[in-house]
Each structure stands twice: as C-alpha cells, then as structure tokens.
C-alpha cells in the first residue's frame, strides 16, 4: 500500500502505453486496499481496540461540553440580573472554557492519530509483506492500489485482492507474516 510510488508507476505505464507493456511482458496487478482492510480480522481487532482506547477521551470531551452548556444556560438565565462587570467576567469564563475545550480536542486528535498508527502499523506491514510476496511470486513489476483512485480501468483478472485476503486470513492472528 505504498502510495508514493503509485503516481510514478502510473506515469511510466502511460508513457509506455498498453501495447508496449504487453510487448515487454511487464506483469501488472492491483489490489483494493480498503477491501483488504475491511476483511482483515487483525484490522477489525485494531479498530475495536482504537474505539475502546478513545472512550475515556470521548467521555472527557462530553463532560467539558456539558460544563460549557451549563455555564451558558446559567449565564442566559442570570444575564439580566448581573452587573456589567459580572457579565463580562462570566463571558470571559465561557470563552476560556471553549478555548480550553478546543485545545483539548486538538490534543486528543493528535493522540488518536498516534494510537491509530500504532495499532494499524503491524496490520499494514503484514498486508504489505503479503503483497510483496505476491509481487515476487507472480513476477509483477507493479501492483497498484485501486482504492487510491488512480486506477481508472483494469482487467479483473489482474485483481489480487482476493489472494491477499486469503493469505492474510490464513495466517494466525497476530503473526508477523513473511519477510519483505
């Protein structure tokens, strides 16, 4: 699923043209990475773990939202009876809480991205290893990711998704797969 090389490979194929590819015997294949991830038991386990890991953060943010809502409701109810100074003080308190909330949301987003990367990295390494094994075994020069959106049309006989999923599911959960 290394997408950085996908545009280069697509450019090379387009420059050579389909007849040139056929004449050189260049083997091409493609996979649907999103379909592979959707059918991967390990990716499912990682997604479930990620959801569990995010629950405390969701609860924390919900609590902050409720506190802001309560303060807004109190302010609205008492606004007419407050002195101008007290009104400004309450408004500033609400602004500060909202600012703190937004800062915390950004911090959690960073932590969530790191956690998701940590959970999905072993799965992606295993999938990449399987794709690399298929590439070597089948003599493929390129294996594209159709999920990346650069593949406009292709012969379904070149779709290796099913084989990647079969090999991925044949490995025990948590095993490291083959070498690259």
Protein backbone atom coordinates (compact mmCIF):
# COMPACT_ATOMS: atom_id res chain seq x y z
CA UNK A 1 0.00 0.00 0.00
CA UNK A 2 2.89 2.31 -0.61
CA UNK A 3 1.06 5.03 -2.43
CA UNK A 4 4.05 7.27 -3.03
CA UNK A 5 5.21 5.08 -5.94
CA UNK A 6 1.73 4.79 -7.45
CA UNK A 7 1.80 8.06 -9.45
CA UNK A 8 5.27 7.24 -10.79
CA UNK A 9 4.19 3.75 -11.84
CA UNK A 10 1.04 5.10 -13.48
CA UNK A 11 3.11 7.66 -15.35
CA UNK A 12 5.53 5.01 -16.60
CA UNK A 13 2.70 2.79 -17.79
CA UNK A 14 1.02 5.72 -19.55
CA UNK A 15 4.31 6.74 -21.20
CA UNK A 16 4.99 3.23 -22.41
CA UNK A 17 1.41 2.70 -23.47
CA UNK A 18 -0.53 -0.53 -23.20
CA UNK A 19 0.96 -2.15 -26.33
CA UNK A 20 4.48 -1.55 -25.06
CA UNK A 21 3.58 -3.10 -21.71
CA UNK A 22 2.19 -6.17 -23.43
CA UNK A 23 5.27 -6.48 -25.67
CA UNK A 24 7.74 -6.27 -22.80
CA UNK A 25 5.88 -8.88 -20.77
CA UNK A 26 5.58 -6.45 -17.89
CA UNK A 27 3.34 -8.03 -15.25
CA UNK A 28 0.85 -5.69 -13.60
CA UNK A 29 -1.63 -6.29 -10.83
CA UNK A 30 -3.80 -4.34 -8.45
CA UNK A 31 -5.49 -4.63 -5.09
CA UNK A 32 -8.30 -2.82 -3.33
CA UNK A 33 -6.64 -1.88 -0.04
CA UNK A 34 -9.92 -0.74 1.54
CA UNK A 35 -11.50 -4.13 0.79
CA UNK A 36 -8.47 -5.90 2.27
CA UNK A 37 -8.69 -3.83 5.45
CA UNK A 38 -12.44 -4.40 5.68
CA UNK A 39 -11.93 -8.16 5.53
CA UNK A 40 -8.88 -8.34 7.79
CA UNK A 41 -9.56 -9.82 11.25
CA UNK A 42 -6.49 -8.02 12.61
CA UNK A 43 -7.66 -4.68 11.25
CA UNK A 44 -11.02 -5.32 12.90
CA UNK A 45 -9.31 -6.06 16.22
CA UNK A 46 -7.24 -2.87 15.83
CA UNK A 47 -10.36 -0.80 15.07
CA UNK A 48 -12.15 -2.25 18.12
CA UNK A 49 -9.14 -1.55 20.34
CA UNK A 50 -8.97 2.01 18.99
CA UNK A 51 -12.64 2.57 19.85
CA UNK A 52 -12.04 1.28 23.40
CA UNK A 53 -8.96 3.48 23.75
CA UNK A 54 -10.91 6.55 22.65
CA UNK A 55 -13.80 6.11 25.12
CA UNK A 56 -12.11 7.96 28.01
CA UNK A 57 -11.35 10.88 25.68
CA UNK A 58 -14.93 10.95 24.40
CA UNK A 59 -16.19 10.98 27.99
CA UNK A 60 -13.76 13.75 28.91
CA UNK A 61 -14.91 15.91 25.98
CA UNK A 62 -18.57 15.19 26.71
CA UNK A 63 -18.02 16.36 30.30
CA UNK A 64 -16.38 19.55 29.09
CA UNK A 65 -19.25 20.17 26.65
CA UNK A 66 -21.80 19.68 29.43
CA UNK A 67 -19.95 22.11 31.67
CA UNK A 68 -19.90 24.74 28.92
CA UNK A 69 -23.62 24.17 28.24
CA UNK A 70 -24.46 24.55 31.94
CA UNK A 71 -22.49 27.78 32.18
CA UNK A 72 -24.18 29.13 29.05
CA UNK A 73 -27.61 28.23 30.44
CA UNK A 74 -26.81 29.85 33.80
CA UNK A 75 -25.47 32.93 32.07
CA UNK A 76 -28.56 33.22 29.88
CA UNK A 77 -30.85 32.85 32.89
CA UNK A 78 -28.93 35.36 35.02
CA UNK A 79 -27.71 37.75 32.33
CA UNK A 80 -30.26 40.47 33.02
CA UNK A 81 -29.59 40.48 36.76
CA UNK A 82 -25.79 40.58 36.51
CA UNK A 83 -23.78 43.76 36.77
CA UNK A 84 -21.87 44.71 33.62
CA UNK A 85 -18.61 43.64 35.29
CA UNK A 86 -20.06 40.27 36.34
CA UNK A 87 -21.45 39.79 32.80
CA UNK A 88 -18.01 40.40 31.26
CA UNK A 89 -16.43 38.06 33.81
CA UNK A 90 -18.90 35.25 33.00
CA UNK A 91 -18.49 35.79 29.27
CA UNK A 92 -14.72 35.53 29.64
CA UNK A 93 -15.11 32.37 31.71
CA UNK A 94 -17.21 30.81 28.93
CA UNK A 95 -14.72 31.92 26.26
CA UNK A 96 -11.85 30.46 28.29
CA UNK A 97 -13.68 27.15 28.72
CA UNK A 98 -14.43 26.96 25.00
CA UNK A 99 -10.80 27.73 24.20
CA UNK A 100 -9.66 25.02 26.61
CA UNK A 101 -12.11 22.61 25.03
CA UNK A 102 -10.84 23.35 21.52
CA UNK A 103 -7.23 22.95 22.66
CA UNK A 104 -8.06 19.62 24.28
CA UNK A 105 -9.85 18.44 21.12
CA UNK A 106 -6.70 19.16 19.08
CA UNK A 107 -4.51 17.35 21.64
CA UNK A 108 -6.81 14.33 21.57
CA UNK A 109 -6.82 14.30 17.77
CA UNK A 110 -3.00 14.13 17.79
CA UNK A 111 -3.03 11.35 20.40
CA UNK A 112 -5.73 9.49 18.46
CA UNK A 113 -3.74 9.66 15.22
CA UNK A 114 -0.65 8.29 17.01
CA UNK A 115 -2.65 5.49 18.62
CA UNK A 116 -4.33 4.56 15.35
CA UNK A 117 -0.94 4.47 13.63
CA UNK A 118 0.46 2.25 16.39
CA UNK A 119 -2.47 -0.16 16.11
CA UNK A 120 -2.65 -0.27 12.32
CA UNK A 121 1.06 -0.28 11.53
CA UNK A 122 1.55 -4.03 12.20
CA UNK A 123 -1.53 -4.82 10.11
CA UNK A 124 -0.29 -2.67 7.23
CA UNK A 125 3.17 -4.24 7.45
CA UNK A 126 1.63 -7.70 7.23
CA UNK A 127 -0.51 -6.72 4.24
CA UNK A 128 2.46 -5.07 2.51
CA UNK A 129 4.53 -8.19 3.15
CA UNK A 130 1.87 -10.38 1.53
CA UNK A 131 1.61 -8.03 -1.45
CA UNK A 132 5.39 -8.05 -1.80
CA UNK A 133 5.39 -11.88 -1.69
CA UNK A 134 2.71 -11.95 -4.39
CA UNK A 135 4.68 -9.47 -6.47
CA UNK A 136 7.80 -11.62 -6.31
CA UNK A 137 5.99 -14.95 -6.82
CA UNK A 138 3.95 -13.64 -9.76
CA UNK A 139 6.76 -11.67 -11.32
CA UNK A 140 4.75 -8.45 -11.10
CA UNK A 141 6.61 -5.26 -11.91
CA UNK A 142 3.86 -3.15 -10.33
CA UNK A 143 0.93 -3.79 -8.04
CA UNK A 144 -1.34 -0.77 -7.84
CA UNK A 145 -3.83 0.19 -5.15
CA UNK A 146 -7.21 0.71 -6.83
CA UNK A 147 -8.50 2.30 -3.61
CA UNK A 148 -6.04 5.17 -4.11
CA UNK A 149 -8.16 6.37 -7.02
CA UNK A 150 -5.50 6.43 -9.74
CA UNK A 151 -6.65 3.20 -11.40
CA UNK A 152 -9.39 4.11 -13.85
CA UNK A 153 -9.98 0.77 -15.55
CA UNK A 154 -8.38 -2.64 -15.34
CA UNK A 155 -8.91 -6.25 -16.27
CA UNK A 156 -10.44 -8.02 -13.27
CA UNK A 157 -8.07 -10.92 -13.87
CA UNK A 158 -5.31 -8.64 -12.58
CA UNK A 159 -7.13 -8.05 -9.26
CA UNK A 160 -5.06 -9.66 -6.49
CA UNK A 161 -7.30 -8.51 -3.63
CA UNK A 162 -8.85 -11.94 -3.07
CA UNK A 163 -5.48 -13.64 -2.87
CA UNK A 164 -4.14 -11.06 -0.42
CA UNK A 165 -7.24 -11.52 1.78
CA UNK A 166 -6.95 -15.34 1.54
CA UNK A 167 -3.29 -15.26 2.62
CA UNK A 168 -3.94 -12.68 5.31
CA UNK A 169 -6.75 -14.77 6.80
CA UNK A 170 -4.69 -17.96 6.54
CA UNK A 171 -2.11 -16.53 8.94
CA UNK A 172 -2.74 -16.80 12.67
CA UNK A 173 -3.95 -13.61 14.29
CA UNK A 174 -1.01 -11.52 15.42
CA UNK A 175 1.65 -13.33 13.39
CA UNK A 176 4.18 -11.17 11.67
CA UNK A 177 3.82 -12.60 8.16
CA UNK A 178 6.75 -13.11 5.84
CA UNK A 179 9.81 -11.07 5.14
CA UNK A 180 9.93 -8.18 2.73
